[in-house]
N, C-alpha and C. Protein backbone atom coordinates (compact mmCIF):
# COMPACT_ATOMS: atom_id res chain seq x y z
N MET A 1 89.17 108.08 80.19
CA MET A 1 89.43 108.04 79.39
C MET A 1 90.03 106.54 78.85
N SER A 2 89.57 106.03 78.52
CA SER A 2 89.46 104.53 78.29
C SER A 2 91.09 104.11 78.34
N ASN A 3 91.46 102.57 78.11
CA ASN A 3 92.73 102.18 78.06
C ASN A 3 93.06 102.05 76.79
N GLN A 4 92.07 101.83 75.62
CA GLN A 4 91.70 101.52 74.72
C GLN A 4 92.60 102.66 74.17
N ALA A 5 91.79 103.41 74.48
CA ALA A 5 92.51 105.44 73.57
C ALA A 5 93.87 105.63 74.48
N ILE A 6 94.40 105.29 75.86
CA ILE A 6 95.79 105.32 76.12
C ILE A 6 96.63 104.69 75.35
N ASN A 7 96.04 103.11 75.33
CA ASN A 7 97.23 102.27 74.55
C ASN A 7 97.04 102.95 72.53
N THR A 8 95.94 103.17 72.16
CA THR A 8 95.74 103.82 70.76
C THR A 8 97.08 104.73 70.59
N ILE A 9 96.72 106.01 71.96
CA ILE A 9 97.68 106.73 71.20
C ILE A 9 99.05 106.73 71.41
N ALA A 10 99.48 106.31 72.79
CA ALA A 10 101.20 105.76 72.96
C ALA A 10 101.20 104.81 71.76
N SER A 11 100.82 103.98 71.31
CA SER A 11 101.08 103.45 69.71
C SER A 11 101.66 103.86 68.30
N ALA A 12 100.43 105.07 68.76
CA ALA A 12 100.79 106.51 68.01
C ALA A 12 102.04 107.00 67.36
N MET A 13 102.13 107.30 69.38
CA MET A 13 103.32 107.94 70.01
C MET A 13 104.63 107.33 69.57
N SER A 14 104.37 105.79 70.24
CA SER A 14 105.50 104.84 69.45
C SER A 14 106.37 104.84 68.56
N SER A 15 105.30 105.02 67.69
CA SER A 15 106.14 104.86 66.14
C SER A 15 106.65 106.09 65.19
N ALA A 16 105.75 107.13 65.63
CA ALA A 16 106.59 108.50 65.97
C ALA A 16 107.62 108.27 66.38
N ILE A 17 108.28 107.98 67.56
CA ILE A 17 109.51 107.62 67.71
C ILE A 17 110.97 106.87 66.80
N SER A 18 110.09 105.27 66.67
CA SER A 18 110.38 104.50 66.25
C SER A 18 110.74 105.03 64.43
N ALA A 19 110.09 106.04 63.65
CA ALA A 19 110.12 106.28 62.35
C ALA A 19 111.68 106.65 61.87
N VAL A 20 112.13 106.73 60.65
CA VAL A 20 113.35 107.33 60.22
C VAL A 20 112.90 108.67 60.04
N ARG A 21 114.25 109.26 59.61
CA ARG A 21 113.91 110.75 59.62
C ARG A 21 112.93 111.27 58.55
N ASN A 22 112.84 110.75 58.06
CA ASN A 22 111.50 111.49 56.41
C ASN A 22 110.72 110.52 56.89
N THR A 23 110.56 110.00 57.81
CA THR A 23 108.70 109.31 57.18
C THR A 23 108.27 109.96 58.89
N LEU A 24 108.80 110.79 59.47
CA LEU A 24 107.97 111.41 61.01
C LEU A 24 107.18 112.12 60.38
N ARG A 25 107.48 113.16 59.31
CA ARG A 25 105.88 113.57 59.46
C ARG A 25 104.99 112.98 59.57
N GLU A 26 105.38 111.81 58.69
CA GLU A 26 103.75 111.17 58.30
C GLU A 26 103.29 110.49 59.80
N GLN A 27 104.07 109.68 60.32
CA GLN A 27 103.95 108.90 61.90
C GLN A 27 103.30 110.16 62.87
N VAL A 28 103.89 112.33 62.68
CA VAL A 28 102.95 112.59 63.69
C VAL A 28 101.67 112.61 63.08
N THR A 29 101.86 112.84 61.92
CA THR A 29 100.75 113.36 61.31
C THR A 29 99.76 112.30 62.00
N SER A 30 100.00 110.89 62.31
CA SER A 30 99.55 109.36 62.64
C SER A 30 98.73 110.21 63.85
N LEU A 31 100.20 110.28 65.07
CA LEU A 31 99.79 110.81 65.88
C LEU A 31 98.69 111.33 66.25
N VAL A 32 99.07 113.02 65.71
CA VAL A 32 98.64 114.39 65.30
C VAL A 32 96.45 113.94 65.65
N THR A 33 96.29 112.76 64.37
CA THR A 33 94.41 112.81 64.66
C THR A 33 94.88 111.30 65.17
N SER A 34 95.33 110.39 65.73
CA SER A 34 94.44 109.74 66.93
C SER A 34 94.24 110.60 68.15
N CYS A 35 95.58 111.17 68.76
CA CYS A 35 94.64 112.60 69.32
C CYS A 35 93.38 113.44 68.89
N GLU A 36 94.09 113.96 67.92
CA GLU A 36 92.18 114.65 67.46
C GLU A 36 90.98 113.63 67.31
N ASN A 37 91.15 112.68 67.08
CA ASN A 37 90.10 111.66 67.30
C ASN A 37 89.15 111.64 68.71
N GLU A 38 90.32 111.43 69.90
CA GLU A 38 90.06 111.93 71.39
C GLU A 38 89.54 112.83 71.57
N PHE A 39 90.10 113.99 71.59
CA PHE A 39 90.13 115.70 71.98
C PHE A 39 89.82 116.66 71.95
N GLY A 40 89.14 116.32 69.77
CA GLY A 40 89.03 117.02 69.34
C GLY A 40 89.78 118.19 68.97
N GLY A 41 90.94 118.16 68.85
CA GLY A 41 92.27 119.24 68.56
C GLY A 41 91.82 120.34 70.11
N ASP A 42 91.32 119.64 71.40
CA ASP A 42 90.98 120.37 72.79
C ASP A 42 93.09 119.49 73.04
N TYR A 43 93.34 120.80 74.28
CA TYR A 43 95.08 120.54 74.90
C TYR A 43 94.33 118.88 75.82
N MET A 44 95.56 118.50 75.27
CA MET A 44 95.54 117.10 76.43
C MET A 44 96.00 117.33 77.81
N PRO A 45 94.42 116.73 78.53
CA PRO A 45 94.69 117.27 80.03
C PRO A 45 96.26 116.28 80.80
N ASP A 46 96.74 116.78 81.55
CA ASP A 46 98.00 116.42 81.61
C ASP A 46 98.35 115.37 82.39
N LYS A 47 97.53 115.10 82.67
CA LYS A 47 97.44 113.24 83.81
C LYS A 47 97.17 112.09 82.57
N ILE A 48 96.74 112.83 81.54
CA ILE A 48 96.56 111.63 80.09
C ILE A 48 97.32 111.58 79.79
N ALA A 49 98.21 113.23 79.56
CA ALA A 49 99.43 113.42 78.73
C ALA A 49 101.00 112.15 79.38
N LYS A 50 100.45 111.81 80.98
CA LYS A 50 101.29 111.47 81.99
C LYS A 50 101.60 109.62 80.91
N ALA A 51 100.10 109.29 81.27
CA ALA A 51 100.18 108.05 80.86
C ALA A 51 100.71 107.42 80.14
N ILE A 52 99.93 108.12 78.66
CA ILE A 52 101.10 108.11 77.73
C ILE A 52 102.02 107.99 77.60
N SER A 53 102.74 108.77 78.17
CA SER A 53 104.30 108.66 78.13
C SER A 53 104.65 108.19 78.69
N GLU A 54 104.43 106.74 79.95
CA GLU A 54 104.43 106.21 80.67
C GLU A 54 104.72 104.50 80.05
N ARG A 55 102.98 105.07 79.15
CA ARG A 55 102.96 103.02 78.06
C ARG A 55 103.80 103.58 77.28
N VAL A 56 104.60 104.91 76.58
CA VAL A 56 105.35 105.07 75.17
C VAL A 56 106.48 103.83 76.28
N ALA A 57 106.90 104.86 77.19
CA ALA A 57 108.16 104.69 78.48
C ALA A 57 108.92 103.24 77.91
N LEU A 58 107.53 102.22 78.42
CA LEU A 58 107.43 100.31 78.35
C LEU A 58 107.59 100.42 76.82
N ASP A 59 107.00 100.46 76.13
CA ASP A 59 106.75 99.86 74.69
C ASP A 59 108.33 100.32 74.27
N GLN A 60 108.56 101.52 74.84
CA GLN A 60 110.26 101.80 74.39
C GLN A 60 111.51 100.67 74.81
N GLY A 61 111.27 100.56 76.03
CA GLY A 61 111.78 100.11 77.28
C GLY A 61 112.77 100.68 77.16
N TRP A 62 112.18 101.94 77.78
CA TRP A 62 113.66 102.79 79.01
C TRP A 62 113.05 102.84 80.35
N GLN A 63 114.21 102.76 80.41
CA GLN A 63 114.76 102.88 82.12
C GLN A 63 115.48 103.86 82.19
N GLY A 64 115.15 104.59 83.73
CA GLY A 64 116.75 105.35 83.92
C GLY A 64 116.28 106.89 83.56
N LYS A 65 117.77 108.07 83.89
CA LYS A 65 117.56 109.12 83.58
C LYS A 65 117.25 109.13 81.69
N THR A 66 117.74 107.95 81.27
CA THR A 66 116.88 108.30 79.77
C THR A 66 115.51 108.11 79.49
N SER A 67 114.62 106.91 80.77
CA SER A 67 113.06 107.14 80.71
C SER A 67 112.47 109.09 80.70
N THR A 68 113.15 109.54 82.39
CA THR A 68 112.87 110.64 82.78
C THR A 68 112.56 111.91 81.60
N VAL A 69 113.72 111.71 80.72
CA VAL A 69 114.00 112.46 79.89
C VAL A 69 112.91 112.52 78.58
N ARG A 70 113.41 110.73 78.02
CA ARG A 70 112.51 110.83 76.39
C ARG A 70 110.71 110.82 76.79
N LYS A 71 110.12 110.87 78.23
CA LYS A 71 108.85 110.99 78.72
C LYS A 71 108.42 112.29 78.86
N SER A 72 109.62 113.48 79.21
CA SER A 72 108.94 114.42 79.28
C SER A 72 109.30 115.19 76.93
N GLU A 73 110.09 114.47 76.96
CA GLU A 73 109.99 114.99 75.12
C GLU A 73 108.06 114.30 74.19
N VAL A 74 108.02 113.02 75.08
CA VAL A 74 106.18 112.50 74.47
C VAL A 74 105.94 113.46 75.72
N ARG A 75 105.73 114.39 76.27
CA ARG A 75 104.65 115.59 77.03
C ARG A 75 104.76 116.20 76.78
N ALA A 76 105.77 116.62 75.80
CA ALA A 76 105.95 118.42 75.03
C ALA A 76 105.34 118.09 73.52
N ILE A 77 105.82 117.20 73.33
CA ILE A 77 104.44 116.81 71.94
C ILE A 77 103.18 116.39 71.67
N LEU A 78 103.03 115.60 72.83
CA LEU A 78 101.44 115.58 73.10
C LEU A 78 100.65 117.31 73.46
N GLY A 79 101.68 117.74 74.19
CA GLY A 79 101.09 119.32 74.52
C GLY A 79 101.06 120.26 73.57
N ALA A 80 101.37 119.07 72.29
CA ALA A 80 101.79 120.85 71.48
C ALA A 80 101.15 120.41 70.32
N TYR A 81 100.55 118.85 70.58
CA TYR A 81 99.85 118.29 69.27
C TYR A 81 98.67 119.19 68.30
N PRO A 82 97.98 119.87 68.77
CA PRO A 82 96.89 120.60 68.27
C PRO A 82 97.93 121.74 66.44
N PHE A 83 98.41 122.39 66.70
CA PHE A 83 99.92 122.63 65.98
C PHE A 83 101.43 121.93 65.30
N LEU A 84 101.23 120.77 65.50
CA LEU A 84 102.83 120.37 65.18
C LEU A 84 102.73 120.06 64.29
N VAL A 85 101.53 119.55 63.32
CA VAL A 85 101.79 119.00 62.12
C VAL A 85 102.64 120.47 61.27
N GLU A 86 101.92 121.36 61.11
CA GLU A 86 101.47 123.61 61.46
C GLU A 86 103.29 123.42 61.35
N GLY A 87 103.76 123.04 62.74
CA GLY A 87 105.29 123.77 63.10
C GLY A 87 105.37 122.60 62.26
N ILE A 88 105.64 121.49 62.00
CA ILE A 88 106.83 121.29 61.40
C ILE A 88 107.10 121.57 60.25
N ALA A 89 105.96 121.95 59.46
CA ALA A 89 105.73 122.01 58.03
C ALA A 89 106.50 123.32 57.98
N ALA A 90 106.28 124.13 58.51
CA ALA A 90 107.19 125.69 58.86
C ALA A 90 108.57 125.25 59.12
N PHE A 91 108.93 124.35 59.63
CA PHE A 91 109.87 124.45 60.19
C PHE A 91 110.93 123.80 59.42
N GLU A 92 110.33 123.02 58.09
CA GLU A 92 111.01 122.32 57.62
C GLU A 92 111.30 123.18 56.38
N LYS A 93 110.45 124.07 56.31
CA LYS A 93 109.96 124.93 54.94
C LYS A 93 111.24 125.58 55.23
N GLN A 94 111.28 126.40 57.07
CA GLN A 94 111.89 126.96 56.69
C GLN A 94 114.25 126.78 56.94
N THR A 95 114.55 125.39 57.14
CA THR A 95 115.36 124.89 57.39
C THR A 95 116.04 124.10 56.44
N GLY A 96 114.17 122.77 55.96
CA GLY A 96 115.06 121.97 54.33
C GLY A 96 114.75 120.58 55.47
N ASN A 97 115.02 120.61 56.94
CA ASN A 97 114.41 119.01 57.46
C ASN A 97 114.07 119.42 58.26
N VAL A 98 113.58 118.09 59.42
CA VAL A 98 113.43 118.43 60.21
C VAL A 98 113.17 116.44 61.36
N GLY A 99 114.32 116.53 62.49
CA GLY A 99 114.24 115.35 63.34
C GLY A 99 113.43 115.43 64.45
N TRP A 100 113.89 114.10 64.64
CA TRP A 100 112.90 114.12 65.74
C TRP A 100 113.40 115.28 67.45
N HIS A 101 114.91 115.69 67.12
CA HIS A 101 115.48 116.82 68.55
C HIS A 101 115.07 118.05 67.96
N SER A 102 114.09 118.37 66.81
CA SER A 102 113.65 119.87 66.54
C SER A 102 112.81 119.35 66.37
N MET A 103 111.50 118.34 66.12
CA MET A 103 110.51 118.60 66.76
C MET A 103 110.57 118.85 67.93
N VAL A 104 111.01 117.96 68.96
CA VAL A 104 110.95 118.37 70.67
C VAL A 104 111.18 119.62 70.96
N LYS A 105 112.03 120.18 70.18
CA LYS A 105 112.59 121.73 70.25
C LYS A 105 111.14 122.15 70.29
N LEU A 106 110.67 122.57 68.63
CA LEU A 106 108.93 122.93 68.42
C LEU A 106 108.29 122.47 69.42
N ALA A 107 108.30 121.92 69.66
CA ALA A 107 107.03 121.08 70.27
C ALA A 107 107.19 121.80 71.43
N ARG A 108 107.85 122.03 72.20
CA ARG A 108 108.75 122.92 73.70
C ARG A 108 108.27 124.33 73.28
N GLN A 109 109.08 124.72 72.14
CA GLN A 109 108.42 125.97 72.00
C GLN A 109 106.89 126.35 71.47
N LEU A 110 106.28 125.82 70.74
CA LEU A 110 104.93 125.95 70.19
C LEU A 110 103.80 127.00 71.05
N PRO A 111 104.14 126.13 72.90
CA PRO A 111 102.95 127.02 73.69
C PRO A 111 103.39 128.14 74.60
N LEU A 112 104.70 127.99 73.47
CA LEU A 112 105.59 129.49 74.20
C LEU A 112 104.73 130.95 73.33
N HIS A 113 104.78 130.99 71.73
CA HIS A 113 104.17 131.82 71.13
C HIS A 113 103.53 131.67 70.53
N ASN A 114 102.71 132.76 70.01
CA ASN A 114 101.26 133.00 69.60
C ASN A 114 101.16 132.78 68.28
N SER A 115 102.45 132.53 67.44
CA SER A 115 102.30 131.72 66.27
C SER A 115 102.97 131.06 65.56
N THR A 116 102.88 130.17 65.15
CA THR A 116 103.34 129.23 64.40
C THR A 116 104.91 129.97 63.66
N LYS A 117 104.71 130.58 63.05
CA LYS A 117 105.91 131.51 62.26
C LYS A 117 106.98 131.30 64.23
N ALA A 118 106.33 132.40 64.80
CA ALA A 118 107.15 133.03 65.62
C ALA A 118 108.28 131.57 66.46
N ALA A 119 107.43 130.87 66.87
CA ALA A 119 108.33 129.30 67.82
C ALA A 119 108.77 128.49 66.58
N VAL A 120 108.90 128.84 64.88
CA VAL A 120 109.60 128.30 64.04
C VAL A 120 111.07 128.82 64.42
N LEU A 121 111.37 130.63 64.02
CA LEU A 121 111.70 131.46 64.22
C LEU A 121 112.41 131.03 65.45
N ALA A 122 112.10 130.38 66.64
CA ALA A 122 112.56 131.10 68.19
C ALA A 122 113.19 129.48 68.24
N CYS A 123 113.48 128.48 67.41
CA CYS A 123 113.50 126.95 67.32
C CYS A 123 115.19 126.76 67.13
N ILE A 124 115.31 127.69 66.11
CA ILE A 124 116.03 128.56 64.82
C ILE A 124 117.09 129.37 65.85
N SER A 125 116.90 129.82 65.81
CA SER A 125 117.82 130.87 66.60
C SER A 125 118.47 130.20 67.65
N LYS A 126 117.12 129.21 68.81
CA LYS A 126 118.27 128.71 69.66
C LYS A 126 118.92 127.70 69.58
N SER A 127 119.22 127.67 68.30
CA SER A 127 120.12 126.14 67.85
C SER A 127 121.47 126.59 67.39
N GLY A 128 122.03 128.58 67.20
CA GLY A 128 123.12 128.71 67.27
C GLY A 128 123.39 128.79 65.65
N SER A 129 125.12 128.09 65.17
CA SER A 129 125.93 128.64 64.65
C SER A 129 126.24 127.18 64.48
N GLY A 130 126.32 126.62 65.64
CA GLY A 130 127.48 125.52 65.72
C GLY A 130 127.59 125.24 67.23
N ASN A 131 129.15 124.92 66.69
CA ASN A 131 129.65 124.55 67.83
C ASN A 131 130.60 125.90 68.12
N THR A 132 130.88 126.11 69.27
CA THR A 132 131.46 128.02 69.41
C THR A 132 132.78 127.45 70.49
N MET A 133 132.89 125.96 70.85
CA MET A 133 133.88 126.41 71.48
C MET A 133 135.06 126.41 70.20
N PRO A 134 136.47 126.55 71.49
CA PRO A 134 137.88 127.15 69.68
C PRO A 134 137.85 125.71 69.24
N ALA A 135 138.62 125.87 68.67
CA ALA A 135 139.25 125.02 67.97
C ALA A 135 140.30 124.03 68.48
N ASP A 136 141.25 124.82 69.12
CA ASP A 136 141.85 123.64 70.54
C ASP A 136 141.79 122.47 71.32
N LYS A 137 140.38 123.51 71.83
CA LYS A 137 139.79 123.18 72.69
C LYS A 137 138.68 121.55 71.61
N GLN A 138 138.05 122.34 70.51
CA GLN A 138 137.84 121.09 70.40
C GLN A 138 138.37 119.77 70.04
N PHE A 139 139.86 119.77 69.62
CA PHE A 139 141.09 119.34 68.84
C PHE A 139 141.25 118.41 70.14
N GLY A 140 141.42 119.04 71.39
CA GLY A 140 141.76 118.27 72.63
C GLY A 140 140.80 117.58 73.37
N ARG A 141 139.21 118.00 72.86
CA ARG A 141 138.27 116.73 73.78
C ARG A 141 138.55 116.24 72.44
N ALA A 142 138.57 115.86 71.26
CA ALA A 142 138.57 114.94 69.94
C ALA A 142 139.96 114.08 69.92
N LEU A 143 140.85 113.94 71.11
CA LEU A 143 141.96 113.44 71.44
C LEU A 143 141.73 112.47 72.79
N GLY A 144 140.77 112.91 73.68
CA GLY A 144 140.52 112.84 74.79
C GLY A 144 139.91 111.55 74.44
N MET A 145 138.70 111.59 73.43
CA MET A 145 138.00 110.56 73.53
C MET A 145 138.29 109.58 72.74
N LEU A 146 139.06 109.59 71.92
CA LEU A 146 139.63 108.68 70.73
C LEU A 146 140.49 107.56 71.95
N LYS A 147 141.12 108.33 73.02
CA LYS A 147 142.39 108.04 74.00
C LYS A 147 140.86 106.50 74.61
N ASN A 148 140.25 107.18 75.25
CA ASN A 148 138.92 106.58 76.05
C ASN A 148 138.53 105.17 75.33
N ILE A 149 138.64 105.32 73.71
CA ILE A 149 138.10 104.29 73.56
C ILE A 149 139.19 103.57 72.52
N THR A 150 140.26 103.93 72.52
CA THR A 150 141.28 102.64 73.15
C THR A 150 141.59 102.27 74.21
N THR A 151 141.83 103.27 75.25
CA THR A 151 141.85 103.01 76.64
C THR A 151 140.70 101.38 76.72
N ARG A 152 139.24 101.45 76.80
CA ARG A 152 138.38 100.54 77.36
C ARG A 152 137.47 99.63 76.23
N SER A 153 138.67 99.83 74.71
CA SER A 153 138.98 98.86 73.72
C SER A 153 139.52 97.70 74.62
N ALA A 154 141.12 98.34 74.73
CA ALA A 154 142.02 97.48 75.47
C ALA A 154 141.16 96.54 76.34
N LYS A 155 141.14 97.30 77.88
CA LYS A 155 140.25 96.73 78.80
C LYS A 155 139.48 95.38 78.55
N LEU A 156 138.85 95.39 77.79
CA LEU A 156 137.30 95.30 76.81
C LEU A 156 138.28 93.54 76.57
N MET A 157 139.41 94.11 75.99
CA MET A 157 140.35 92.62 75.47
C MET A 157 140.97 92.27 76.82
N ALA A 158 141.45 92.83 77.66
CA ALA A 158 142.11 92.01 78.87
C ALA A 158 140.83 91.51 79.15
N PHE A 159 139.93 91.86 79.42
CA PHE A 159 138.34 90.63 79.68
C PHE A 159 138.74 89.82 78.95
N ARG A 160 138.14 90.17 78.40
CA ARG A 160 137.85 88.93 77.63
C ARG A 160 139.15 87.85 77.68
N ARG A 161 140.27 87.77 76.82
CA ARG A 161 141.44 86.79 77.42
C ARG A 161 141.05 85.90 78.76
N ASP A 162 140.93 87.14 79.66
CA ASP A 162 141.12 87.12 80.98
C ASP A 162 140.29 85.92 81.32
N LEU A 163 138.65 85.89 80.73
CA LEU A 163 137.79 85.12 81.42
C LEU A 163 137.16 84.04 80.60
N ALA A 164 138.84 84.20 79.51
CA ALA A 164 139.01 82.44 78.26
C ALA A 164 139.84 82.06 79.68
N LYS A 165 141.16 82.36 79.92
CA LYS A 165 141.74 82.03 80.79
C LYS A 165 140.93 81.17 81.67
N LEU A 166 140.08 82.21 82.90
CA LEU A 166 139.37 81.09 83.89
C LEU A 166 138.41 80.26 83.25
N CYS A 167 137.64 80.69 81.82
CA CYS A 167 136.51 79.57 82.01
C CYS A 167 137.59 78.04 81.23
N THR A 168 138.37 78.36 80.45
CA THR A 168 139.41 76.89 80.28
C THR A 168 139.99 76.55 81.29
N LYS A 169 140.41 76.94 82.32
CA LYS A 169 141.34 76.08 83.88
C LYS A 169 139.11 75.94 84.42
N HIS A 170 138.57 76.55 84.58
CA HIS A 170 137.16 75.65 84.99
C HIS A 170 136.49 74.53 84.11
N GLY A 171 137.36 74.16 83.00
CA GLY A 171 136.66 73.35 82.02
C GLY A 171 134.68 74.25 81.79
N ILE A 172 135.16 74.78 81.86
CA ILE A 172 133.46 75.48 81.03
C ILE A 172 133.83 76.26 79.96
N SER A 173 132.71 75.73 79.05
CA SER A 173 132.94 76.03 77.86
C SER A 173 132.00 77.30 77.42
N TYR A 174 132.58 77.92 76.55
CA TYR A 174 131.98 79.69 76.47
C TYR A 174 131.72 80.08 74.57
């Protein structure tokens, strides 16, 4: 596979990732079209999917653990591209919308099931009915997060104040 083909597919994938929610389907259709033009509907070899995911990570500026997770998502989507447009349409019909994370979950389920409908149902059943954490624990977590925000804000303000004093002391303008 040529570098140009890898770049074309990686660019289409980057566009899909950067797209807003209501244009996701169009962006994915563009990605699938790029893949179909190169592979004719056959599965993409893992080596090529890995090269594309590396290029997308570069394009998106992903680094560290985020890069690892996002590249895995990219490879999952590339691996399911022959069924992705149909799967997204079915998922959207069932749930009313589809976002990036739903699409990734669907892409991971499509190769595991014999039909698009079965994959969509597996995604929906795995979604659960929301947070099952008891209300008192949810409230406690929310208070903890609020405390962290306040603490971090206080530390940031103190750091800025101390930095300003230091700059003034040494005659540095900031």
